[in-house]
PDB file of N, CA and C in Angstrom:
ATOM      1  N   MET A   1       0.125  -8.016 -12.207  1.00  0.00           N
ATOM      2  CA  MET A   1       1.165  -7.066 -12.531  1.00  0.00           C
ATOM      3  C   MET A   1       1.043  -5.780 -11.698  1.00  0.00           C
ATOM      4  N   ARG A   2      -0.176  -5.431 -11.337  1.00  0.00           N
ATOM      5  CA  ARG A   2      -0.378  -4.212 -10.563  1.00  0.00           C
ATOM      6  C   ARG A   2       0.320  -4.257  -9.203  1.00  0.00           C
ATOM      7  N   PRO A   3       0.225  -5.367  -8.458  1.00  0.00           N
ATOM      8  CA  PRO A   3       0.958  -5.402  -7.182  1.00  0.00           C
ATOM      9  C   PRO A   3       2.468  -5.237  -7.351  1.00  0.00           C
ATOM     10  N   PHE A   4       3.026  -5.747  -8.434  1.00  0.00           N
ATOM     11  CA  PHE A   4       4.458  -5.590  -8.679  1.00  0.00           C
ATOM     12  C   PHE A   4       4.803  -4.120  -8.891  1.00  0.00           C
ATOM     13  N   LYS A   5       3.972  -3.402  -9.640  1.00  0.00           N
ATOM     14  CA  LYS A   5       4.193  -1.969  -9.851  1.00  0.00           C
ATOM     15  C   LYS A   5       4.043  -1.193  -8.539  1.00  0.00           C
ATOM     16  N   MET A   6       3.088  -1.606  -7.719  1.00  0.00           N
ATOM     17  CA  MET A   6       2.893  -0.949  -6.426  1.00  0.00           C
ATOM     18  C   MET A   6       4.105  -1.178  -5.521  1.00  0.00           C
ATOM     19  N   MET A   7       4.669  -2.388  -5.582  1.00  0.00           N
ATOM     20  CA  MET A   7       5.858  -2.692  -4.787  1.00  0.00           C
ATOM     21  C   MET A   7       7.034  -1.844  -5.259  1.00  0.00           C
ATOM     22  N   LEU A   8       7.207  -1.712  -6.563  1.00  0.00           N
ATOM     23  CA  LEU A   8       8.304  -0.885  -7.090  1.00  0.00           C
ATOM     24  C   LEU A   8       8.147   0.571  -6.665  1.00  0.00           C
ATOM     25  N   ALA A   9       6.932   1.092  -6.751  1.00  0.00           N
ATOM     26  CA  ALA A   9       6.692   2.480  -6.338  1.00  0.00           C
ATOM     27  C   ALA A   9       6.970   2.656  -4.847  1.00  0.00           C
ATOM     28  N   ASP A  10       6.541   1.699  -4.062  1.00  0.00           N
ATOM     29  CA  ASP A  10       6.777   1.762  -2.618  1.00  0.00           C
ATOM     30  C   ASP A  10       8.268   1.717  -2.303  1.00  0.00           C
ATOM     31  N   GLN A  11       8.997   0.821  -2.933  1.00  0.00           N
ATOM     32  CA  GLN A  11      10.415   0.646  -2.640  1.00  0.00           C
ATOM     33  C   GLN A  11      11.288   1.760  -3.221  1.00  0.00           C
ATOM     34  N   ALA A  12      10.754   2.526  -4.135  1.00  0.00           N
ATOM     35  CA  ALA A  12      11.506   3.662  -4.689  1.00  0.00           C
ATOM     36  C   ALA A  12      11.517   4.852  -3.738  1.00  0.00           C
ATOM     37  N   THR A  13      10.558   4.893  -2.809  1.00  0.00           N
ATOM     38  CA  THR A  13      10.463   6.058  -1.923  1.00  0.00           C
ATOM     39  C   THR A  13      10.514   5.713  -0.442  1.00  0.00           C
ATOM     40  N   SER A  14       9.737   4.753  -0.022  1.00  0.00           N
ATOM     41  CA  SER A  14       9.566   4.469   1.410  1.00  0.00           C
ATOM     42  C   SER A  14      10.844   4.191   2.181  1.00  0.00           C
ATOM     43  N   PRO A  15      11.759   3.353   1.682  1.00  0.00           N
ATOM     44  CA  PRO A  15      12.951   3.067   2.487  1.00  0.00           C
ATOM     45  C   PRO A  15      13.768   4.314   2.821  1.00  0.00           C
ATOM     46  N   PHE A  16      13.853   5.232   1.885  1.00  0.00           N
ATOM     47  CA  PHE A  16      14.635   6.450   2.102  1.00  0.00           C
ATOM     48  C   PHE A  16      13.985   7.327   3.160  1.00  0.00           C
ATOM     49  N   ILE A  17      12.687   7.501   3.057  1.00  0.00           N
ATOM     50  CA  ILE A  17      11.965   8.377   3.981  1.00  0.00           C
ATOM     51  C   ILE A  17      11.891   7.755   5.378  1.00  0.00           C
ATOM     52  N   LEU A  18      11.414   6.520   5.457  1.00  0.00           N
ATOM     53  CA  LEU A  18      11.174   5.897   6.758  1.00  0.00           C
ATOM     54  C   LEU A  18      12.469   5.579   7.507  1.00  0.00           C
ATOM     55  N   ASN A  19      13.442   5.000   6.817  1.00  0.00           N
ATOM     56  CA  ASN A  19      14.696   4.670   7.492  1.00  0.00           C
ATOM     57  C   ASN A  19      15.488   5.925   7.838  1.00  0.00           C
ATOM     58  N   GLY A  20      15.455   6.929   6.966  1.00  0.00           N
ATOM     59  CA  GLY A  20      16.118   8.192   7.260  1.00  0.00           C
ATOM     60  C   GLY A  20      15.511   8.875   8.480  1.00  0.00           C
ATOM     61  N   ALA A  21      14.184   8.895   8.545  1.00  0.00           N
ATOM     62  CA  ALA A  21      13.509   9.498   9.697  1.00  0.00           C
ATOM     63  C   ALA A  21      13.808   8.719  10.976  1.00  0.00           C
ATOM     64  N   PHE A  22      13.830   7.392  10.876  1.00  0.00           N
ATOM     65  CA  PHE A  22      14.134   6.559  12.049  1.00  0.00           C
ATOM     66  C   PHE A  22      15.547   6.832  12.553  1.00  0.00           C
ATOM     67  N   LEU A  23      16.509   6.879  11.648  1.00  0.00           N
ATOM     68  CA  LEU A  23      17.900   7.125  12.044  1.00  0.00           C
ATOM     69  C   LEU A  23      18.073   8.523  12.637  1.00  0.00           C
ATOM     70  N   TYR A  24      17.424   9.505  12.039  1.00  0.00           N
ATOM     71  CA  TYR A  24      17.507  10.874  12.556  1.00  0.00           C
ATOM     72  C   TYR A  24      16.907  10.947  13.965  1.00  0.00           C
ATOM     73  N   TYR A  25      15.738  10.380  14.133  1.00  0.00           N
ATOM     74  CA  TYR A  25      15.077  10.392  15.441  1.00  0.00           C
ATOM     75  C   TYR A  25      15.932   9.685  16.486  1.00  0.00           C
ATOM     76  N   LEU A  26      16.497   8.561  16.122  1.00  0.00           N
ATOM     77  CA  LEU A  26      17.340   7.815  17.051  1.00  0.00           C
ATOM     78  C   LEU A  26      18.555   8.636  17.481  1.00  0.00           C
ATOM     79  N   ALA A  27      19.177   9.342  16.537  1.00  0.00           N
ATOM     80  CA  ALA A  27      20.334  10.171  16.866  1.00  0.00           C
ATOM     81  C   ALA A  27      19.941  11.342  17.770  1.00  0.00           C
ATOM     82  N   ILE A  28      18.828  11.983  17.472  1.00  0.00           N
ATOM     83  CA  ILE A  28      18.365  13.113  18.282  1.00  0.00           C
ATOM     84  C   ILE A  28      18.034  12.654  19.700  1.00  0.00           C
ATOM     85  N   THR A  29      17.366  11.511  19.837  1.00  0.00           N
ATOM     86  CA  THR A  29      17.025  11.027  21.180  1.00  0.00           C
ATOM     87  C   THR A  29      18.254  10.537  21.938  1.00  0.00           C
ATOM     88  N   ASP A  30      19.345  10.268  21.231  1.00  0.00           N
ATOM     89  CA  ASP A  30      20.608   9.932  21.893  1.00  0.00           C
ATOM     90  C   ASP A  30      21.372  11.177  22.330  1.00  0.00           C
ATOM     91  N   GLY A  31      20.810  12.367  22.068  1.00  0.00           N
ATOM     92  CA  GLY A  31      21.427  13.609  22.515  1.00  0.00           C
ATOM     93  C   GLY A  31      22.372  14.233  21.509  1.00  0.00           C
ATOM     94  N   LYS A  32      22.355  13.760  20.273  1.00  0.00           N
ATOM     95  CA  LYS A  32      23.237  14.334  19.255  1.00  0.00           C
ATOM     96  C   LYS A  32      22.635  15.621  18.704  1.00  0.00           C
ATOM     97  N   SER A  33      23.495  16.481  18.174  1.00  0.00           N
ATOM     98  CA  SER A  33      23.021  17.728  17.567  1.00  0.00           C
ATOM     99  C   SER A  33      22.383  17.426  16.209  1.00  0.00           C
ATOM    100  N   HIS A  34      21.739  18.444  15.656  1.00  0.00           N
ATOM    101  CA  HIS A  34      21.119  18.293  14.341  1.00  0.00           C
ATOM    102  C   HIS A  34      22.156  17.879  13.301  1.00  0.00           C
ATOM    103  N   GLN A  35      23.312  18.547  13.307  1.00  0.00           N
ATOM    104  CA  GLN A  35      24.360  18.231  12.332  1.00  0.00           C
ATOM    105  C   GLN A  35      24.863  16.796  12.489  1.00  0.00           C
ATOM    106  N   ASP A  36      25.041  16.344  13.726  1.00  0.00           N
ATOM    107  CA  ASP A  36      25.483  14.970  13.966  1.00  0.00           C
ATOM    108  C   ASP A  36      24.415  13.959  13.551  1.00  0.00           C
ATOM    109  N   ALA A  37      23.162  14.310  13.786  1.00  0.00           N
ATOM    110  CA  ALA A  37      22.069  13.423  13.397  1.00  0.00           C
ATOM    111  C   ALA A  37      21.988  13.289  11.879  1.00  0.00           C
ATOM    112  N   VAL A  38      22.143  14.405  11.187  1.00  0.00           N
ATOM    113  CA  VAL A  38      22.141  14.367   9.719  1.00  0.00           C
ATOM    114  C   VAL A  38      23.317  13.534   9.212  1.00  0.00           C
ATOM    115  N   GLN A  39      24.470  13.692   9.840  1.00  0.00           N
ATOM    116  CA  GLN A  39      25.640  12.904   9.438  1.00  0.00           C
ATOM    117  C   GLN A  39      25.415  11.411   9.710  1.00  0.00           C
ATOM    118  N   ALA A  40      24.750  11.095  10.809  1.00  0.00           N
ATOM    119  CA  ALA A  40      24.437   9.696  11.113  1.00  0.00           C
ATOM    120  C   ALA A  40      23.525   9.102  10.046  1.00  0.00           C
ATOM    121  N   VAL A  41      22.558   9.895   9.588  1.00  0.00           N
ATOM    122  CA  VAL A  41      21.670   9.430   8.515  1.00  0.00           C
ATOM    123  C   VAL A  41      22.480   9.188   7.241  1.00  0.00           C
ATOM    124  N   LYS A  42      23.358  10.119   6.908  1.00  0.00           N
ATOM    125  CA  LYS A  42      24.183   9.960   5.703  1.00  0.00           C
ATOM    126  C   LYS A  42      25.079   8.734   5.786  1.00  0.00           C
ATOM    127  N   ASP A  43      25.632   8.483   6.968  1.00  0.00           N
ATOM    128  CA  ASP A  43      26.559   7.363   7.132  1.00  0.00           C
ATOM    129  C   ASP A  43      25.869   6.005   7.132  1.00  0.00           C
ATOM    130  N   ARG A  44      24.676   5.943   7.712  1.00  0.00           N
ATOM    131  CA  ARG A  44      24.035   4.644   7.941  1.00  0.00           C
ATOM    132  C   ARG A  44      22.887   4.309   7.003  1.00  0.00           C
ATOM    133  N   CYS A  45      22.344   5.279   6.328  1.00  0.00           N
ATOM    134  CA  CYS A  45      21.100   5.060   5.591  1.00  0.00           C
ATOM    135  C   CYS A  45      21.247   4.054   4.443  1.00  0.00           C
ATOM    136  N   MET A  46      22.241   4.200   3.606  1.00  0.00           N
ATOM    137  CA  MET A  46      22.348   3.305   2.448  1.00  0.00           C
ATOM    138  C   MET A  46      22.564   1.841   2.829  1.00  0.00           C
ATOM    139  N   PRO A  47      23.437   1.519   3.779  1.00  0.00           N
ATOM    140  CA  PRO A  47      23.540   0.102   4.159  1.00  0.00           C
ATOM    141  C   PRO A  47      22.230  -0.473   4.689  1.00  0.00           C
ATOM    142  N   ILE A  48      21.476   0.338   5.418  1.00  0.00           N
ATOM    143  CA  ILE A  48      20.195  -0.130   5.950  1.00  0.00           C
ATOM    144  C   ILE A  48      19.181  -0.289   4.826  1.00  0.00           C
ATOM    145  N   ILE A  49      19.182   0.615   3.866  1.00  0.00           N
ATOM    146  CA  ILE A  49      18.263   0.499   2.736  1.00  0.00           C
ATOM    147  C   ILE A  49      18.583  -0.750   1.921  1.00  0.00           C
ATOM    148  N   ILE A  50      19.849  -1.046   1.744  1.00  0.00           N
ATOM    149  CA  ILE A  50      20.230  -2.266   1.034  1.00  0.00           C
ATOM    150  C   ILE A  50      19.715  -3.493   1.784  1.00  0.00           C
ATOM    151  N   GLU A  51      19.827  -3.482   3.112  1.00  0.00           N
ATOM    152  CA  GLU A  51      19.271  -4.580   3.915  1.00  0.00           C
ATOM    153  C   GLU A  51      17.753  -4.661   3.740  1.00  0.00           C
ATOM    154  N   SER A  52      17.093  -3.510   3.703  1.00  0.00           N
ATOM    155  CA  SER A  52      15.633  -3.517   3.571  1.00  0.00           C
ATOM    156  C   SER A  52      15.194  -4.071   2.217  1.00  0.00           C
ATOM    157  N   TYR A  53      16.008  -3.857   1.186  1.00  0.00           N
ATOM    158  CA  TYR A  53      15.672  -4.402  -0.135  1.00  0.00           C
ATOM    159  C   TYR A  53      15.765  -5.927  -0.165  1.00  0.00           C
ATOM    160  N   LYS A  54      16.429  -6.509   0.813  1.00  0.00           N
ATOM    161  CA  LYS A  54      16.498  -7.969   0.906  1.00  0.00           C
ATOM    162  C   LYS A  54      15.234  -8.554   1.531  1.00  0.00           C
ATOM    163  N   VAL A  55      14.463  -7.711   2.206  1.00  0.00           N
ATOM    164  CA  VAL A  55      13.316  -8.194   2.976  1.00  0.00           C
ATOM    165  C   VAL A  55      11.982  -7.682   2.439  1.00  0.00           C
ATOM    166  N   TRP A  56      11.862  -6.363   2.293  1.00  0.00           N
ATOM    167  CA  TRP A  56      10.561  -5.749   2.049  1.00  0.00           C
ATOM    168  C   TRP A  56       9.908  -6.072   0.709  1.00  0.00           C
ATOM    169  N   PRO A  57      10.627  -6.172  -0.398  1.00  0.00           N
ATOM    170  CA  PRO A  57       9.914  -6.532  -1.637  1.00  0.00           C
ATOM    171  C   PRO A  57       9.169  -7.864  -1.517  1.00  0.00           C
ATOM    172  N   PHE A  58       9.807  -8.849  -0.883  1.00  0.00           N
ATOM    173  CA  PHE A  58       9.152 -10.138  -0.672  1.00  0.00           C
ATOM    174  C   PHE A  58       7.912  -9.990   0.205  1.00  0.00           C
ATOM    175  N   ILE A  59       8.031  -9.224   1.287  1.00  0.00           N
ATOM    176  CA  ILE A  59       6.897  -9.039   2.194  1.00  0.00           C
ATOM    177  C   ILE A  59       5.743  -8.337   1.481  1.00  0.00           C
ATOM    178  N   ILE A  60       6.061  -7.322   0.703  1.00  0.00           N
ATOM    179  CA  ILE A  60       5.014  -6.574  -0.005  1.00  0.00           C
ATOM    180  C   ILE A  60       4.302  -7.464  -1.023  1.00  0.00           C
ATOM    181  N   LEU A  61       5.072  -8.214  -1.804  1.00  0.00           N
ATOM    182  CA  LEU A  61       4.450  -9.099  -2.796  1.00  0.00           C
ATOM    183  C   LEU A  61       3.646 -10.207  -2.121  1.00  0.00           C
ATOM    184  N   LEU A  62       4.160 -10.760  -1.049  1.00  0.00           N
ATOM    185  CA  LEU A  62       3.422 -11.771  -0.289  1.00  0.00           C
ATOM    186  C   LEU A  62       2.114 -11.180   0.228  1.00  0.00           C
ATOM    187  N   ASN A  63       2.180  -9.961   0.706  1.00  0.00           N
ATOM    188  CA  ASN A  63       1.000  -9.283   1.228  1.00  0.00           C
ATOM    189  C   ASN A  63      -0.067  -9.098   0.140  1.00  0.00           C
ATOM    190  N   PHE A  64       0.328  -8.734  -1.049  1.00  0.00           N
ATOM    191  CA  PHE A  64      -0.642  -8.493  -2.120  1.00  0.00           C
ATOM    192  C   PHE A  64      -1.148  -9.769  -2.784  1.00  0.00           C
ATOM    193  N   TYR A  65      -0.298 -10.778  -2.900  1.00  0.00           N
ATOM    194  CA  TYR A  65      -0.674 -11.981  -3.651  1.00  0.00           C
ATOM    195  C   TYR A  65      -1.219 -13.115  -2.790  1.00  0.00           C
ATOM    196  N   VAL A  66      -0.800 -13.215  -1.524  1.00  0.00           N
ATOM    197  CA  VAL A  66      -1.143 -14.383  -0.724  1.00  0.00           C
ATOM    198  C   VAL A  66      -2.043 -14.049   0.465  1.00  0.00           C
ATOM    199  N   ILE A  67      -1.737 -13.000   1.171  1.00  0.00           N
ATOM    200  CA  ILE A  67      -2.468 -12.655   2.396  1.00  0.00           C
ATOM    201  C   ILE A  67      -3.873 -12.159   2.039  1.00  0.00           C
ATOM    202  N   PRO A  68      -4.906 -12.703   2.704  1.00  0.00           N
ATOM    203  CA  PRO A  68      -6.270 -12.225   2.441  1.00  0.00           C
ATOM    204  C   PRO A  68      -6.412 -10.741   2.784  1.00  0.00           C
ATOM    205  N   LEU A  69      -7.294 -10.080   2.088  1.00  0.00           N
ATOM    206  CA  LEU A  69      -7.483  -8.639   2.230  1.00  0.00           C
ATOM    207  C   LEU A  69      -7.706  -8.229   3.690  1.00  0.00           C
ATOM    208  N   HIS A  70      -8.502  -8.970   4.418  1.00  0.00           N
ATOM    209  CA  HIS A  70      -8.824  -8.587   5.803  1.00  0.00           C
ATOM    210  C   HIS A  70      -7.642  -8.760   6.762  1.00  0.00           C
ATOM    211  N   SER A  71      -6.579  -9.429   6.340  1.00  0.00           N
ATOM    212  CA  SER A  71      -5.421  -9.656   7.208  1.00  0.00           C
ATOM    213  C   SER A  71      -4.178  -8.868   6.785  1.00  0.00           C
ATOM    214  N   ARG A  72      -4.275  -8.089   5.738  1.00  0.00           N
ATOM    215  CA  ARG A  72      -3.088  -7.411   5.198  1.00  0.00           C
ATOM    216  C   ARG A  72      -2.488  -6.384   6.147  1.00  0.00           C
ATOM    217  N   VAL A  73      -3.326  -5.618   6.808  1.00  0.00           N
ATOM    218  CA  VAL A  73      -2.806  -4.598   7.730  1.00  0.00           C
ATOM    219  C   VAL A  73      -2.087  -5.275   8.893  1.00  0.00           C
ATOM    220  N   LEU A  74      -2.678  -6.312   9.440  1.00  0.00           N
ATOM    221  CA  LEU A  74      -2.051  -7.044  10.540  1.00  0.00           C
ATOM    222  C   LEU A  74      -0.715  -7.638  10.100  1.00  0.00           C
ATOM    223  N   PHE A  75      -0.685  -8.230   8.912  1.00  0.00           N
ATOM    224  CA  PHE A  75       0.544  -8.837   8.407  1.00  0.00           C
ATOM    225  C   PHE A  75       1.637  -7.784   8.210  1.00  0.00           C
ATOM    226  N   SER A  76       1.305  -6.669   7.571  1.00  0.00           N
ATOM    227  CA  SER A  76       2.322  -5.641   7.323  1.00  0.00           C
ATOM    228  C   SER A  76       2.787  -4.983   8.625  1.00  0.00           C
ATOM    229  N   ASN A  77       1.892  -4.821   9.595  1.00  0.00           N
ATOM    230  CA  ASN A  77       2.297  -4.259  10.886  1.00  0.00           C
ATOM    231  C   ASN A  77       3.203  -5.222  11.649  1.00  0.00           C
ATOM    232  N   ALA A  78       2.913  -6.515  11.592  1.00  0.00           N
ATOM    233  CA  ALA A  78       3.773  -7.504  12.245  1.00  0.00           C
ATOM    234  C   ALA A  78       5.154  -7.506  11.592  1.00  0.00           C
ATOM    235  N   ALA A  79       5.193  -7.417  10.265  1.00  0.00           N
ATOM    236  CA  ALA A  79       6.472  -7.357   9.554  1.00  0.00           C
ATOM    237  C   ALA A  79       7.234  -6.089   9.928  1.00  0.00           C
ATOM    238  N   ALA A  80       6.526  -4.984  10.088  1.00  0.00           N
ATOM    239  CA  ALA A  80       7.172  -3.719  10.462  1.00  0.00           C
ATOM    240  C   ALA A  80       7.762  -3.795  11.864  1.00  0.00           C
ATOM    241  N   ILE A  81       7.080  -4.455  12.777  1.00  0.00           N
ATOM    242  CA  ILE A  81       7.621  -4.617  14.128  1.00  0.00           C
ATOM    243  C   ILE A  81       8.897  -5.447  14.079  1.00  0.00           C
ATOM    244  N   LEU A  82       8.875  -6.540  13.323  1.00  0.00           N
ATOM    245  CA  LEU A  82      10.072  -7.375  13.194  1.00  0.00           C
ATOM    246  C   LEU A  82      11.210  -6.604  12.526  1.00  0.00           C
ATOM    247  N   TRP A  83      10.893  -5.817  11.507  1.00  0.00           N
ATOM    248  CA  TRP A  83      11.918  -5.032  10.823  1.00  0.00           C
ATOM    249  C   TRP A  83      12.530  -3.997  11.769  1.00  0.00           C
ATOM    250  N   THR A  84      11.699  -3.303  12.530  1.00  0.00           N
ATOM    251  CA  THR A  84      12.205  -2.299  13.463  1.00  0.00           C
ATOM    252  C   THR A  84      13.091  -2.940  14.522  1.00  0.00           C
ATOM    253  N   THR A  85      12.717  -4.118  14.978  1.00  0.00           N
ATOM    254  CA  THR A  85      13.541  -4.842  15.946  1.00  0.00           C
ATOM    255  C   THR A  85      14.892  -5.186  15.333  1.00  0.00           C
ATOM    256  N   TYR A  86      14.880  -5.696  14.106  1.00  0.00           N
ATOM    257  CA  TYR A  86      16.124  -6.037  13.412  1.00  0.00           C
ATOM    258  C   TYR A  86      16.966  -4.787  13.154  1.00  0.00           C
ATOM    259  N   LEU A  87      16.321  -3.710  12.750  1.00  0.00           N
ATOM    260  CA  LEU A  87      17.019  -2.455  12.484  1.00  0.00           C
ATOM    261  C   LEU A  87      17.683  -1.920  13.754  1.00  0.00           C
ATOM    262  N   THR A  88      16.989  -1.978  14.859  1.00  0.00           N
ATOM    263  CA  THR A  88      17.555  -1.542  16.129  1.00  0.00           C
ATOM    264  C   THR A  88      18.749  -2.405  16.507  1.00  0.00           C
ATOM    265  N   TYR A  89      18.649  -3.703  16.260  1.00  0.00           N
ATOM    266  CA  TYR A  89      19.771  -4.612  16.521  1.00  0.00           C
ATOM    267  C   TYR A  89      20.981  -4.236  15.670  1.00  0.00           C
ATOM    268  N   LEU A  90      20.763  -3.981  14.381  1.00  0.00           N
ATOM    269  CA  LEU A  90      21.870  -3.604  13.502  1.00  0.00           C
ATOM    270  C   LEU A  90      22.551  -2.326  13.974  1.00  0.00           C
ATOM    271  N   ILE A  91      21.761  -1.353  14.364  1.00  0.00           N
ATOM    272  CA  ILE A  91      22.315  -0.066  14.800  1.00  0.00           C
ATOM    273  C   ILE A  91      23.082  -0.225  16.115  1.00  0.00           C
ATOM    274  N   SER A  92      22.513  -0.967  17.060  1.00  0.00           N
ATOM    275  CA  SER A  92      23.221  -1.143  18.329  1.00  0.00           C
ATOM    276  C   SER A  92      24.493  -1.968  18.138  1.00  0.00           C
ATOM    277  N   LYS A  93      24.468  -2.902  17.223  1.00  0.00           N
ATOM    278  CA  LYS A  93      25.650  -3.707  16.922  1.00  0.00           C
ATOM    279  C   LYS A  93      26.760  -2.823  16.349  1.00  0.00           C
ATOM    280  N   SER A  94      26.407  -1.925  15.437  1.00  0.00           N
ATOM    281  CA  SER A  94      27.417  -1.038  14.851  1.00  0.00           C
ATOM    282  C   SER A  94      27.892  -0.006  15.876  1.00  0.00           C
ATOM    283  N   ASP A  95      27.012   0.434  16.783  1.00  0.00           N
ATOM    284  CA  ASP A  95      27.424   1.362  17.837  1.00  0.00           C
ATOM    285  C   ASP A  95      28.403   0.700  18.788  1.00  0.00           C
ATOM    286  N   ASN A  96      28.175  -0.543  19.149  1.00  0.00           N
ATOM    287  CA  ASN A  96      29.083  -1.264  20.057  1.00  0.00           C
ATOM    288  C   ASN A  96      30.425  -1.528  19.390  1.00  0.00           C
ATOM    289  N   LYS A  97      30.410  -1.734  18.090  1.00  0.00           N
ATOM    290  CA  LYS A  97      31.650  -1.977  17.356  1.00  0.00           C
ATOM    291  C   LYS A  97      32.516  -0.706  17.307  1.00  0.00           C
ATOM    292  N   ASN A  98      31.848   0.462  17.265  1.00  0.00           N
ATOM    293  CA  ASN A  98      32.563   1.742  17.174  1.00  0.00           C
ATOM    294  C   ASN A  98      33.105   2.219  18.517  1.00  0.00           C
ATOM    295  N   LYS A  99      32.677   1.603  19.599  1.00  0.00           N
ATOM    296  CA  LYS A  99      33.119   2.058  20.931  1.00  0.00           C
ATOM    297  C   LYS A  99      34.431   1.455  21.302  1.00  0.00           C
TER     298      LYS A  99
END
């Protein structure tokens, strides 16, 4: 039961902070102003968080219940790389659609 509570605590905070920071950074590095970057976070954050809720709870529970302790960091980092790749794809897809 403890891993389930840890997953709930993680998913209540992490997606908002990490995805919001990623979107803000991406907008700033694209040359947008602070106000435009904040607006980009407001516009895109919730759909991305909903997508993350389809993936991350399963990964977190798998990590706590199945993956051996010595491999957990490697597993979560590999999942994070795949998630970032997917997230970048989603953002570039929506940017191309808006052009």
